[in-house]
Amino acid sequence: MPGGDERMKRDLRENRTPGAILLNMMIAAVSLFVNGFGVYLTIQANIGAGPWDVLNLGLSRSLGILYGTASIAVSLSILLIDILLKEPIGIAMFIDAVVVGKSVDFFNWIRAVPACQSLWTGIPVMAVGLFILAYTQYTYMIASLGCGPRDTLLVGLAKRVKRVPIGAVSIALLSTATLAGWLLGGTCGNRDAPVCVRHGSDHAAGLYNRAV
């Protein structure tokens, strides 16, 4: 029945039933696991990691812990800040905090892709990784279970400094993460500055409009 199908789609989209919430949690978890593979590829490309990955790598190397453990520690720390800022806390935050980092650890453990040794091999691996990241971010958002800890922090900070464009807030946040990671021994490259600027110009604006 057309009406029944529409109602089921609405229930799923708006998480109106326990079954819809469970299904969307599975969608989010699978999306984030595959997203971790995208992160892994961008690291293995060996031409510079993303800002938060630089921080995770720096913590991993300076403390002698797994990337995933460092990622979880960063995510939970940011989650605590989100709570202190009284931002909405969703189920996806906790899934995000654990799944992505441990997914990267898994692919590191099985040695899925060797680290690239040249720019010519690194560029296509980076491109595939970025495509996976973009697509899985889309499928993750379909689940409508809330933003991840980092995006929630960005929105929370932007609400509190209304005279500063959210793009500038995003660039400052990502630059801070990159600098801290670099000081801890994380790998920086030519990709880090463009990523900071790109997030500040488009992703941040879209995220803010979605949240307010």
N, C-alpha and C. Protein backbone atom coordinates (compact mmCIF):
# COMPACT_ATOMS: atom_id res chain seq x y z
N MET A 1 0.84 -1.19 0.00
CA MET A 1 0.00 0.00 0.00
C MET A 1 0.88 1.25 0.00
N PRO A 2 0.60 2.22 -0.92
CA PRO A 2 1.43 3.42 -1.01
C PRO A 2 1.49 4.19 0.30
N GLY A 3 0.30 4.34 0.98
CA GLY A 3 0.29 5.08 2.24
C GLY A 3 1.12 4.41 3.31
N GLY A 4 1.07 3.07 3.37
CA GLY A 4 1.86 2.32 4.34
C GLY A 4 3.34 2.45 4.09
N ASP A 5 3.72 2.41 2.80
CA ASP A 5 5.14 2.56 2.44
C ASP A 5 5.66 3.92 2.86
N GLU A 6 4.86 4.96 2.61
CA GLU A 6 5.27 6.31 2.98
C GLU A 6 5.41 6.44 4.49
N ARG A 7 4.50 5.83 5.23
CA ARG A 7 4.55 5.89 6.69
C ARG A 7 5.80 5.18 7.21
N MET A 8 6.13 4.02 6.61
CA MET A 8 7.33 3.29 7.02
C MET A 8 8.58 4.10 6.75
N LYS A 9 8.62 4.76 5.59
CA LYS A 9 9.78 5.59 5.27
C LYS A 9 9.91 6.76 6.23
N ARG A 10 8.76 7.36 6.60
CA ARG A 10 8.78 8.48 7.54
C ARG A 10 9.22 8.02 8.93
N ASP A 11 8.73 6.85 9.35
CA ASP A 11 9.14 6.31 10.65
C ASP A 11 10.64 6.05 10.68
N LEU A 12 11.16 5.51 9.57
CA LEU A 12 12.59 5.21 9.50
C LEU A 12 13.40 6.48 9.51
N ARG A 13 12.96 7.47 8.72
CA ARG A 13 13.70 8.73 8.61
C ARG A 13 13.70 9.50 9.92
N GLU A 14 12.58 9.43 10.65
CA GLU A 14 12.45 10.20 11.88
C GLU A 14 12.67 9.38 13.13
N ASN A 15 13.09 8.13 12.97
CA ASN A 15 13.39 7.25 14.11
C ASN A 15 12.22 7.19 15.09
N ARG A 16 11.04 6.90 14.55
CA ARG A 16 9.84 6.91 15.39
C ARG A 16 9.60 5.61 16.14
N THR A 17 10.21 4.52 15.71
CA THR A 17 9.96 3.23 16.35
C THR A 17 11.29 2.60 16.78
N PRO A 18 11.25 1.68 17.75
CA PRO A 18 12.49 0.99 18.15
C PRO A 18 13.16 0.27 16.99
N GLY A 19 12.33 -0.32 16.10
CA GLY A 19 12.89 -1.00 14.94
C GLY A 19 13.63 -0.04 14.01
N ALA A 20 13.05 1.16 13.81
CA ALA A 20 13.69 2.16 12.96
C ALA A 20 15.01 2.63 13.56
N ILE A 21 15.01 2.83 14.88
CA ILE A 21 16.24 3.26 15.55
C ILE A 21 17.32 2.20 15.43
N LEU A 22 16.94 0.92 15.63
CA LEU A 22 17.90 -0.16 15.53
C LEU A 22 18.47 -0.27 14.12
N LEU A 23 17.60 -0.18 13.12
CA LEU A 23 18.06 -0.25 11.72
C LEU A 23 19.00 0.90 11.40
N ASN A 24 18.65 2.11 11.85
CA ASN A 24 19.50 3.27 11.59
C ASN A 24 20.82 3.19 12.34
N MET A 25 20.82 2.58 13.51
CA MET A 25 22.07 2.36 14.23
C MET A 25 22.99 1.43 13.44
N MET A 26 22.41 0.42 12.81
CA MET A 26 23.19 -0.51 11.99
C MET A 26 23.74 0.20 10.76
N ILE A 27 22.89 1.06 10.15
CA ILE A 27 23.33 1.83 8.99
C ILE A 27 24.49 2.74 9.37
N ALA A 28 24.36 3.41 10.52
CA ALA A 28 25.41 4.31 10.98
C ALA A 28 26.69 3.55 11.28
N ALA A 29 26.57 2.39 11.95
CA ALA A 29 27.76 1.61 12.31
C ALA A 29 28.49 1.10 11.08
N VAL A 30 27.74 0.58 10.10
CA VAL A 30 28.37 0.08 8.87
C VAL A 30 29.01 1.23 8.10
N SER A 31 28.30 2.36 8.03
CA SER A 31 28.85 3.53 7.33
C SER A 31 30.14 3.99 7.97
N LEU A 32 30.17 4.01 9.30
CA LEU A 32 31.37 4.47 10.01
C LEU A 32 32.51 3.47 9.90
N PHE A 33 32.19 2.18 9.84
CA PHE A 33 33.24 1.17 9.66
C PHE A 33 33.91 1.35 8.30
N VAL A 34 33.09 1.53 7.26
CA VAL A 34 33.63 1.75 5.92
C VAL A 34 34.35 3.10 5.87
N ASN A 35 33.81 4.09 6.61
CA ASN A 35 34.47 5.39 6.71
C ASN A 35 35.88 5.23 7.26
N GLY A 36 36.03 4.31 8.25
CA GLY A 36 37.35 4.03 8.80
C GLY A 36 38.31 3.51 7.75
N PHE A 37 37.79 2.74 6.79
CA PHE A 37 38.65 2.27 5.70
C PHE A 37 39.10 3.45 4.84
N GLY A 38 38.19 4.43 4.65
CA GLY A 38 38.56 5.63 3.91
C GLY A 38 39.66 6.40 4.63
N VAL A 39 39.52 6.54 5.95
CA VAL A 39 40.57 7.19 6.75
C VAL A 39 41.88 6.45 6.60
N TYR A 40 41.81 5.12 6.69
CA TYR A 40 43.00 4.28 6.57
C TYR A 40 43.70 4.51 5.23
N LEU A 41 42.93 4.61 4.15
CA LEU A 41 43.52 4.83 2.83
C LEU A 41 44.21 6.19 2.75
N THR A 42 43.58 7.23 3.33
CA THR A 42 44.21 8.56 3.27
C THR A 42 45.52 8.58 4.05
N ILE A 43 45.60 7.78 5.11
CA ILE A 43 46.85 7.69 5.88
C ILE A 43 47.90 6.91 5.09
N GLN A 44 47.46 5.79 4.48
CA GLN A 44 48.39 4.96 3.71
C GLN A 44 48.86 5.64 2.43
N ALA A 45 48.12 6.64 1.96
CA ALA A 45 48.56 7.39 0.78
C ALA A 45 49.89 8.09 1.05
N ASN A 46 50.14 8.39 2.33
CA ASN A 46 51.45 8.90 2.75
C ASN A 46 51.79 10.27 2.17
N ILE A 47 50.75 11.08 1.95
CA ILE A 47 50.99 12.44 1.46
C ILE A 47 50.31 13.47 2.36
N GLY A 48 50.04 13.07 3.61
CA GLY A 48 49.43 13.99 4.56
C GLY A 48 48.06 13.51 5.01
N ALA A 49 47.85 13.48 6.29
CA ALA A 49 46.57 13.04 6.84
C ALA A 49 45.65 14.24 7.08
N GLY A 50 44.38 13.97 7.35
CA GLY A 50 43.45 15.02 7.71
C GLY A 50 43.76 15.58 9.09
N PRO A 51 43.24 16.76 9.42
CA PRO A 51 43.56 17.42 10.69
C PRO A 51 43.36 16.55 11.93
N TRP A 52 42.19 15.94 12.08
CA TRP A 52 41.95 15.11 13.26
C TRP A 52 42.81 13.85 13.23
N ASP A 53 43.11 13.36 12.02
CA ASP A 53 43.97 12.18 11.91
C ASP A 53 45.40 12.51 12.31
N VAL A 54 45.84 13.73 12.01
CA VAL A 54 47.17 14.16 12.45
C VAL A 54 47.25 14.13 13.98
N LEU A 55 46.18 14.60 14.63
CA LEU A 55 46.14 14.58 16.09
C LEU A 55 46.15 13.15 16.62
N ASN A 56 45.32 12.30 16.03
CA ASN A 56 45.26 10.90 16.46
C ASN A 56 46.61 10.19 16.27
N LEU A 57 47.24 10.45 15.12
CA LEU A 57 48.55 9.84 14.84
C LEU A 57 49.60 10.36 15.82
N GLY A 58 49.54 11.66 16.12
CA GLY A 58 50.50 12.23 17.07
C GLY A 58 50.37 11.61 18.45
N LEU A 59 49.13 11.47 18.91
CA LEU A 59 48.90 10.82 20.22
C LEU A 59 49.34 9.36 20.19
N SER A 60 49.03 8.69 19.09
CA SER A 60 49.40 7.28 18.96
C SER A 60 50.92 7.09 19.07
N ARG A 61 51.66 7.94 18.37
CA ARG A 61 53.12 7.80 18.34
C ARG A 61 53.77 8.28 19.64
N SER A 62 53.25 9.34 20.22
CA SER A 62 53.88 9.87 21.43
C SER A 62 53.57 9.02 22.65
N LEU A 63 52.39 8.37 22.67
CA LEU A 63 52.01 7.56 23.83
C LEU A 63 52.21 6.07 23.61
N GLY A 64 52.54 5.68 22.38
CA GLY A 64 52.76 4.27 22.08
C GLY A 64 51.48 3.45 22.13
N ILE A 65 50.36 4.05 21.68
CA ILE A 65 49.08 3.36 21.68
C ILE A 65 48.58 3.21 20.25
N LEU A 66 47.56 2.39 20.06
CA LEU A 66 46.98 2.20 18.74
C LEU A 66 46.28 3.47 18.27
N TYR A 67 46.22 3.62 16.94
CA TYR A 67 45.50 4.78 16.38
C TYR A 67 44.07 4.82 16.90
N GLY A 68 43.40 3.67 16.90
CA GLY A 68 42.01 3.62 17.33
C GLY A 68 41.84 4.03 18.77
N THR A 69 42.76 3.64 19.63
CA THR A 69 42.70 4.03 21.04
C THR A 69 42.85 5.54 21.19
N ALA A 70 43.77 6.11 20.41
CA ALA A 70 43.95 7.57 20.43
C ALA A 70 42.70 8.27 19.91
N SER A 71 42.11 7.72 18.85
CA SER A 71 40.90 8.31 18.28
C SER A 71 39.75 8.29 19.28
N ILE A 72 39.59 7.17 19.99
CA ILE A 72 38.53 7.06 21.00
C ILE A 72 38.76 8.06 22.12
N ALA A 73 40.01 8.20 22.56
CA ALA A 73 40.34 9.15 23.63
C ALA A 73 40.00 10.58 23.22
N VAL A 74 40.34 10.94 21.99
CA VAL A 74 40.03 12.28 21.49
C VAL A 74 38.52 12.47 21.39
N SER A 75 37.84 11.47 20.84
CA SER A 75 36.38 11.57 20.66
C SER A 75 35.66 11.72 22.00
N LEU A 76 36.05 10.92 22.99
CA LEU A 76 35.40 10.99 24.30
C LEU A 76 35.70 12.32 25.00
N SER A 77 36.91 12.84 24.79
CA SER A 77 37.25 14.15 25.37
C SER A 77 36.38 15.25 24.76
N ILE A 78 36.20 15.17 23.42
CA ILE A 78 35.36 16.15 22.75
C ILE A 78 33.90 15.98 23.17
N LEU A 79 33.47 14.73 23.34
CA LEU A 79 32.11 14.45 23.79
C LEU A 79 31.85 15.09 25.15
N LEU A 80 32.84 15.03 26.03
CA LEU A 80 32.71 15.67 27.35
C LEU A 80 32.54 17.18 27.21
N ILE A 81 33.31 17.77 26.29
CA ILE A 81 33.18 19.21 26.04
C ILE A 81 31.78 19.52 25.50
N ASP A 82 31.28 18.66 24.59
CA ASP A 82 29.93 18.85 24.05
C ASP A 82 28.88 18.85 25.16
N ILE A 83 29.05 17.94 26.11
CA ILE A 83 28.12 17.86 27.24
C ILE A 83 28.20 19.13 28.08
N LEU A 84 29.43 19.61 28.32
CA LEU A 84 29.61 20.84 29.11
C LEU A 84 29.02 22.05 28.39
N LEU A 85 29.03 22.01 27.05
CA LEU A 85 28.44 23.08 26.26
C LEU A 85 26.92 22.93 26.14
N LYS A 86 26.39 21.83 26.72
CA LYS A 86 24.95 21.54 26.71
C LYS A 86 24.41 21.38 25.30
N GLU A 87 25.22 20.77 24.44
CA GLU A 87 24.78 20.46 23.08
C GLU A 87 24.03 19.13 23.07
N PRO A 88 23.11 18.92 22.12
CA PRO A 88 22.37 17.67 22.04
C PRO A 88 23.31 16.47 21.85
N ILE A 89 23.07 15.42 22.59
CA ILE A 89 23.89 14.21 22.52
C ILE A 89 23.07 13.10 21.88
N GLY A 90 23.56 12.55 20.77
CA GLY A 90 22.85 11.50 20.06
C GLY A 90 23.57 10.17 20.14
N ILE A 91 22.85 9.11 19.77
CA ILE A 91 23.43 7.77 19.77
C ILE A 91 24.64 7.70 18.86
N ALA A 92 24.56 8.43 17.73
CA ALA A 92 25.63 8.37 16.74
C ALA A 92 26.97 8.83 17.30
N MET A 93 26.93 9.70 18.30
CA MET A 93 28.18 10.19 18.90
C MET A 93 29.00 9.03 19.47
N PHE A 94 28.32 8.13 20.16
CA PHE A 94 29.02 7.02 20.81
C PHE A 94 29.47 5.98 19.77
N ILE A 95 28.64 5.77 18.74
CA ILE A 95 29.03 4.86 17.66
C ILE A 95 30.25 5.41 16.94
N ASP A 96 30.18 6.71 16.62
CA ASP A 96 31.29 7.38 15.94
C ASP A 96 32.57 7.31 16.76
N ALA A 97 32.44 7.54 18.07
CA ALA A 97 33.62 7.59 18.94
C ALA A 97 34.41 6.29 18.93
N VAL A 98 33.73 5.18 18.73
CA VAL A 98 34.40 3.87 18.83
C VAL A 98 34.71 3.25 17.47
N VAL A 99 33.74 3.28 16.56
CA VAL A 99 33.83 2.46 15.35
C VAL A 99 34.92 2.91 14.39
N VAL A 100 35.01 4.21 14.11
CA VAL A 100 35.96 4.68 13.08
C VAL A 100 37.40 4.33 13.45
N GLY A 101 37.81 4.67 14.68
CA GLY A 101 39.19 4.41 15.10
C GLY A 101 39.53 2.94 15.08
N LYS A 102 38.63 2.10 15.59
CA LYS A 102 38.90 0.67 15.63
C LYS A 102 38.82 0.04 14.25
N SER A 103 38.08 0.67 13.34
CA SER A 103 38.08 0.22 11.95
C SER A 103 39.46 0.44 11.33
N VAL A 104 40.05 1.61 11.60
CA VAL A 104 41.40 1.89 11.10
C VAL A 104 42.39 0.88 11.67
N ASP A 105 42.26 0.56 12.97
CA ASP A 105 43.13 -0.44 13.59
C ASP A 105 42.99 -1.80 12.91
N PHE A 106 41.74 -2.15 12.57
CA PHE A 106 41.49 -3.44 11.92
C PHE A 106 42.21 -3.53 10.59
N PHE A 107 42.08 -2.50 9.77
CA PHE A 107 42.71 -2.52 8.45
C PHE A 107 44.23 -2.42 8.55
N ASN A 108 44.71 -1.75 9.59
CA ASN A 108 46.15 -1.77 9.86
C ASN A 108 46.62 -3.17 10.24
N TRP A 109 45.80 -3.85 11.04
CA TRP A 109 46.14 -5.20 11.52
C TRP A 109 46.22 -6.20 10.38
N ILE A 110 45.27 -6.13 9.44
CA ILE A 110 45.29 -7.08 8.31
C ILE A 110 46.19 -6.59 7.18
N ARG A 111 46.76 -5.38 7.34
CA ARG A 111 47.65 -4.80 6.33
C ARG A 111 46.97 -4.79 4.96
N ALA A 112 45.79 -4.18 4.92
CA ALA A 112 44.97 -4.21 3.71
C ALA A 112 45.66 -3.55 2.52
N VAL A 113 46.33 -2.42 2.77
CA VAL A 113 47.00 -1.68 1.69
C VAL A 113 48.36 -1.21 2.20
N PRO A 114 49.43 -1.47 1.46
CA PRO A 114 50.75 -1.00 1.92
C PRO A 114 50.85 0.52 1.81
N ALA A 115 51.69 1.10 2.64
CA ALA A 115 51.92 2.55 2.58
C ALA A 115 52.54 2.91 1.24
N CYS A 116 52.03 3.94 0.61
CA CYS A 116 52.53 4.36 -0.71
C CYS A 116 53.91 5.00 -0.55
N GLN A 117 54.76 4.73 -1.53
CA GLN A 117 56.13 5.22 -1.48
C GLN A 117 56.40 6.34 -2.45
N SER A 118 55.41 6.72 -3.23
CA SER A 118 55.61 7.81 -4.19
C SER A 118 54.31 8.59 -4.36
N LEU A 119 54.44 9.79 -4.89
CA LEU A 119 53.27 10.64 -5.11
C LEU A 119 52.33 10.01 -6.13
N TRP A 120 52.90 9.32 -7.11
CA TRP A 120 52.09 8.75 -8.19
C TRP A 120 51.18 7.63 -7.70
N THR A 121 51.61 6.91 -6.71
CA THR A 121 50.73 5.88 -6.13
C THR A 121 49.88 6.47 -5.00
N GLY A 122 50.40 7.49 -4.34
CA GLY A 122 49.68 8.08 -3.22
C GLY A 122 48.44 8.84 -3.64
N ILE A 123 48.51 9.55 -4.76
CA ILE A 123 47.38 10.37 -5.20
C ILE A 123 46.12 9.54 -5.47
N PRO A 124 46.20 8.45 -6.27
CA PRO A 124 44.98 7.66 -6.48
C PRO A 124 44.45 7.01 -5.21
N VAL A 125 45.35 6.57 -4.31
CA VAL A 125 44.89 5.99 -3.05
C VAL A 125 44.19 7.06 -2.21
N MET A 126 44.75 8.27 -2.19
CA MET A 126 44.11 9.37 -1.48
C MET A 126 42.75 9.68 -2.07
N ALA A 127 42.67 9.70 -3.41
CA ALA A 127 41.40 10.02 -4.08
C ALA A 127 40.32 9.00 -3.74
N VAL A 128 40.69 7.72 -3.73
CA VAL A 128 39.72 6.67 -3.37
C VAL A 128 39.29 6.84 -1.91
N GLY A 129 40.25 7.12 -1.04
CA GLY A 129 39.94 7.32 0.37
C GLY A 129 38.99 8.48 0.59
N LEU A 130 39.23 9.60 -0.10
CA LEU A 130 38.37 10.77 0.05
C LEU A 130 36.97 10.50 -0.49
N PHE A 131 36.89 9.73 -1.59
CA PHE A 131 35.57 9.37 -2.12
C PHE A 131 34.79 8.53 -1.11
N ILE A 132 35.46 7.56 -0.50
CA ILE A 132 34.82 6.72 0.50
C ILE A 132 34.37 7.56 1.69
N LEU A 133 35.22 8.49 2.12
CA LEU A 133 34.86 9.38 3.24
C LEU A 133 33.60 10.19 2.92
N ALA A 134 33.56 10.76 1.71
CA ALA A 134 32.42 11.59 1.33
C ALA A 134 31.14 10.76 1.26
N TYR A 135 31.22 9.59 0.64
CA TYR A 135 30.02 8.77 0.47
C TYR A 135 29.51 8.24 1.81
N THR A 136 30.41 7.79 2.65
CA THR A 136 29.98 7.24 3.94
C THR A 136 29.49 8.32 4.90
N GLN A 137 29.97 9.54 4.75
CA GLN A 137 29.41 10.64 5.53
C GLN A 137 27.95 10.88 5.14
N TYR A 138 27.67 10.72 3.83
CA TYR A 138 26.30 10.87 3.35
C TYR A 138 25.40 9.77 3.90
N THR A 139 25.86 8.51 3.81
CA THR A 139 25.03 7.40 4.30
C THR A 139 24.88 7.45 5.82
N TYR A 140 25.91 7.93 6.50
CA TYR A 140 25.84 8.10 7.96
C TYR A 140 24.78 9.11 8.34
N MET A 141 24.71 10.21 7.60
CA MET A 141 23.74 11.27 7.91
C MET A 141 22.31 10.83 7.62
N ILE A 142 22.15 9.88 6.67
CA ILE A 142 20.82 9.37 6.37
C ILE A 142 20.18 8.75 7.61
N ALA A 143 21.01 8.16 8.48
CA ALA A 143 20.50 7.50 9.68
C ALA A 143 19.83 8.48 10.64
N SER A 144 20.15 9.76 10.53
CA SER A 144 19.50 10.81 11.34
C SER A 144 19.58 10.54 12.85
N LEU A 145 20.76 10.11 13.29
CA LEU A 145 20.95 9.83 14.71
C LEU A 145 21.77 10.92 15.42
N GLY A 146 21.99 12.02 14.73
CA GLY A 146 22.75 13.11 15.32
C GLY A 146 24.15 13.22 14.74
N CYS A 147 24.80 14.34 15.01
CA CYS A 147 26.16 14.58 14.54
C CYS A 147 27.16 13.80 15.37
N GLY A 148 28.37 13.67 14.85
CA GLY A 148 29.46 13.10 15.62
C GLY A 148 29.99 14.11 16.62
N PRO A 149 30.87 13.69 17.52
CA PRO A 149 31.39 14.60 18.55
C PRO A 149 32.06 15.85 17.99
N ARG A 150 32.85 15.71 16.93
CA ARG A 150 33.60 16.85 16.39
C ARG A 150 32.68 17.87 15.74
N ASP A 151 31.71 17.39 14.95
CA ASP A 151 30.77 18.30 14.31
C ASP A 151 29.90 19.01 15.34
N THR A 152 29.52 18.29 16.39
CA THR A 152 28.73 18.90 17.46
C THR A 152 29.53 19.99 18.16
N LEU A 153 30.83 19.75 18.37
CA LEU A 153 31.69 20.77 18.97
C LEU A 153 31.75 22.01 18.09
N LEU A 154 31.90 21.80 16.79
CA LEU A 154 31.96 22.93 15.86
C LEU A 154 30.69 23.76 15.93
N VAL A 155 29.53 23.10 15.89
CA VAL A 155 28.27 23.83 15.96
C VAL A 155 28.13 24.56 17.29
N GLY A 156 28.52 23.88 18.38
CA GLY A 156 28.43 24.50 19.70
C GLY A 156 29.30 25.74 19.82
N LEU A 157 30.52 25.67 19.29
CA LEU A 157 31.41 26.84 19.33
C LEU A 157 30.87 27.98 18.46
N ALA A 158 30.34 27.60 17.28
CA ALA A 158 29.82 28.63 16.37
C ALA A 158 28.63 29.37 16.97
N LYS A 159 27.81 28.67 17.74
CA LYS A 159 26.67 29.32 18.40
C LYS A 159 27.11 30.35 19.42
N ARG A 160 28.31 30.14 19.98
CA ARG A 160 28.77 30.99 21.07
C ARG A 160 29.64 32.14 20.60
N VAL A 161 30.04 32.12 19.35
CA VAL A 161 30.81 33.24 18.78
C VAL A 161 30.11 33.67 17.49
N LYS A 162 28.90 34.17 17.65
CA LYS A 162 28.03 34.44 16.51
C LYS A 162 28.58 35.47 15.54
N ARG A 163 29.48 36.33 16.03
CA ARG A 163 30.04 37.35 15.14
C ARG A 163 31.13 36.79 14.23
N VAL A 164 31.57 35.59 14.53
CA VAL A 164 32.61 34.95 13.71
C VAL A 164 31.95 33.94 12.78
N PRO A 165 32.21 34.01 11.47
CA PRO A 165 31.62 33.04 10.55
C PRO A 165 31.99 31.61 10.94
N ILE A 166 31.06 30.68 10.76
CA ILE A 166 31.33 29.30 11.15
C ILE A 166 32.51 28.73 10.37
N GLY A 167 32.72 29.23 9.14
CA GLY A 167 33.87 28.78 8.37
C GLY A 167 35.18 29.10 9.07
N ALA A 168 35.25 30.30 9.64
CA ALA A 168 36.46 30.71 10.37
C ALA A 168 36.63 29.88 11.63
N VAL A 169 35.51 29.57 12.30
CA VAL A 169 35.57 28.73 13.50
C VAL A 169 36.08 27.34 13.13
N SER A 170 35.59 26.81 12.02
CA SER A 170 36.01 25.49 11.56
C SER A 170 37.49 25.46 11.23
N ILE A 171 37.96 26.48 10.51
CA ILE A 171 39.38 26.55 10.15
C ILE A 171 40.24 26.62 11.40
N ALA A 172 39.82 27.44 12.38
CA ALA A 172 40.58 27.56 13.62
C ALA A 172 40.62 26.24 14.38
N LEU A 173 39.49 25.54 14.43
CA LEU A 173 39.42 24.27 15.15
C LEU A 173 40.29 23.21 14.49
N LEU A 174 40.19 23.10 13.16
CA LEU A 174 40.98 22.10 12.44
C LEU A 174 42.47 22.43 12.46
N SER A 175 42.77 23.72 12.39
CA SER A 175 44.18 24.14 12.46
C SER A 175 44.78 23.83 13.82
N THR A 176 43.98 24.02 14.87
CA THR A 176 44.44 23.71 16.23
C THR A 176 44.71 22.21 16.36
N ALA A 177 43.80 21.39 15.83
CA ALA A 177 43.99 19.94 15.88
C ALA A 177 45.24 19.52 15.11
N THR A 178 45.45 20.14 13.94
CA THR A 178 46.63 19.82 13.14
C THR A 178 47.92 20.22 13.86
N LEU A 179 47.94 21.42 14.42
CA LEU A 179 49.14 21.89 15.12
C LEU A 179 49.46 21.01 16.32
N ALA A 180 48.43 20.70 17.11
CA ALA A 180 48.64 19.84 18.28
C ALA A 180 49.16 18.48 17.87
N GLY A 181 48.58 17.92 16.81
CA GLY A 181 49.03 16.62 16.32
C GLY A 181 50.46 16.66 15.81
N TRP A 182 50.81 17.73 15.10
CA TRP A 182 52.17 17.87 14.57
C TRP A 182 53.18 17.98 15.71
N LEU A 183 52.83 18.73 16.73
CA LEU A 183 53.73 18.86 17.89
C LEU A 183 53.93 17.53 18.60
N LEU A 184 52.93 16.66 18.51
CA LEU A 184 53.02 15.34 19.14
C LEU A 184 53.67 14.30 18.24
N GLY A 185 54.01 14.70 17.01
CA GLY A 185 54.68 13.78 16.10
C GLY A 185 53.82 13.24 14.99
N GLY A 186 52.62 13.81 14.82
CA GLY A 186 51.74 13.38 13.73
C GLY A 186 52.27 13.81 12.38
N THR A 187 51.86 13.10 11.35
CA THR A 187 52.33 13.37 9.99
C THR A 187 51.48 14.44 9.33
N CYS A 188 52.13 15.52 8.89
CA CYS A 188 51.45 16.57 8.13
C CYS A 188 51.92 16.50 6.69
N GLY A 189 51.12 17.07 5.81
CA GLY A 189 51.50 17.08 4.40
C GLY A 189 50.78 18.18 3.68
N ASN A 190 50.88 18.17 2.35
CA ASN A 190 50.27 19.21 1.54
C ASN A 190 48.75 19.20 1.61
N ARG A 191 48.17 18.10 2.07
CA ARG A 191 46.72 17.98 2.11
C ARG A 191 46.10 18.72 3.28
N ASP A 192 46.85 18.96 4.35
CA ASP A 192 46.25 19.45 5.59
C ASP A 192 45.68 20.85 5.47
N ALA A 193 46.42 21.76 4.87
CA ALA A 193 45.90 23.13 4.75
C ALA A 193 44.65 23.20 3.87
N PRO A 194 44.64 22.54 2.67
CA PRO A 194 43.42 22.55 1.88
C PRO A 194 42.22 21.95 2.61
N VAL A 195 42.45 20.90 3.38
CA VAL A 195 41.34 20.28 4.12
C VAL A 195 40.77 21.26 5.13
N CYS A 196 41.63 21.97 5.84
CA CYS A 196 41.15 22.95 6.83
C CYS A 196 40.29 24.01 6.15
N VAL A 197 40.74 24.52 5.00
CA VAL A 197 40.02 25.57 4.31
C VAL A 197 38.72 25.03 3.72
N ARG A 198 38.75 23.82 3.13
CA ARG A 198 37.55 23.24 2.52
C ARG A 198 36.46 23.04 3.56
N HIS A 199 36.82 22.50 4.69
CA HIS A 199 35.83 22.28 5.75
C HIS A 199 35.27 23.61 6.22
N GLY A 200 36.13 24.62 6.26
CA GLY A 200 35.65 25.92 6.72
C GLY A 200 34.70 26.57 5.75
N SER A 201 34.81 26.27 4.47
CA SER A 201 34.02 26.98 3.47
C SER A 201 32.69 26.32 3.13
N ASP A 202 32.64 24.96 3.11
CA ASP A 202 31.39 24.34 2.68
C ASP A 202 30.78 23.39 3.70
N HIS A 203 31.51 22.39 4.14
CA HIS A 203 30.96 21.41 5.08
C HIS A 203 30.44 22.08 6.35
N ALA A 204 31.19 23.02 6.88
CA ALA A 204 30.81 23.68 8.13
C ALA A 204 29.51 24.46 7.96
N ALA A 205 29.38 25.17 6.85
CA ALA A 205 28.17 25.96 6.62
C ALA A 205 26.94 25.06 6.51
N GLY A 206 27.08 23.98 5.76
CA GLY A 206 25.97 23.05 5.62
C GLY A 206 25.58 22.42 6.93
N LEU A 207 26.55 22.07 7.73
CA LEU A 207 26.32 21.46 9.04
C LEU A 207 25.59 22.43 9.96
N TYR A 208 26.02 23.69 9.94
CA TYR A 208 25.40 24.68 10.82
C TYR A 208 23.94 24.92 10.43
N ASN A 209 23.69 25.02 9.13
CA ASN A 209 22.33 25.24 8.66
C ASN A 209 21.42 24.07 9.03
N ARG A 210 21.99 22.88 9.06
CA ARG A 210 21.23 21.68 9.41
C ARG A 210 20.90 21.64 10.90
N ALA A 211 21.79 22.25 11.71
CA ALA A 211 21.65 22.14 13.17
C ALA A 211 20.82 23.24 13.80
N VAL A 212 20.71 24.38 13.13
CA VAL A 212 20.01 25.52 13.75
C VAL A 212 18.73 25.87 12.99
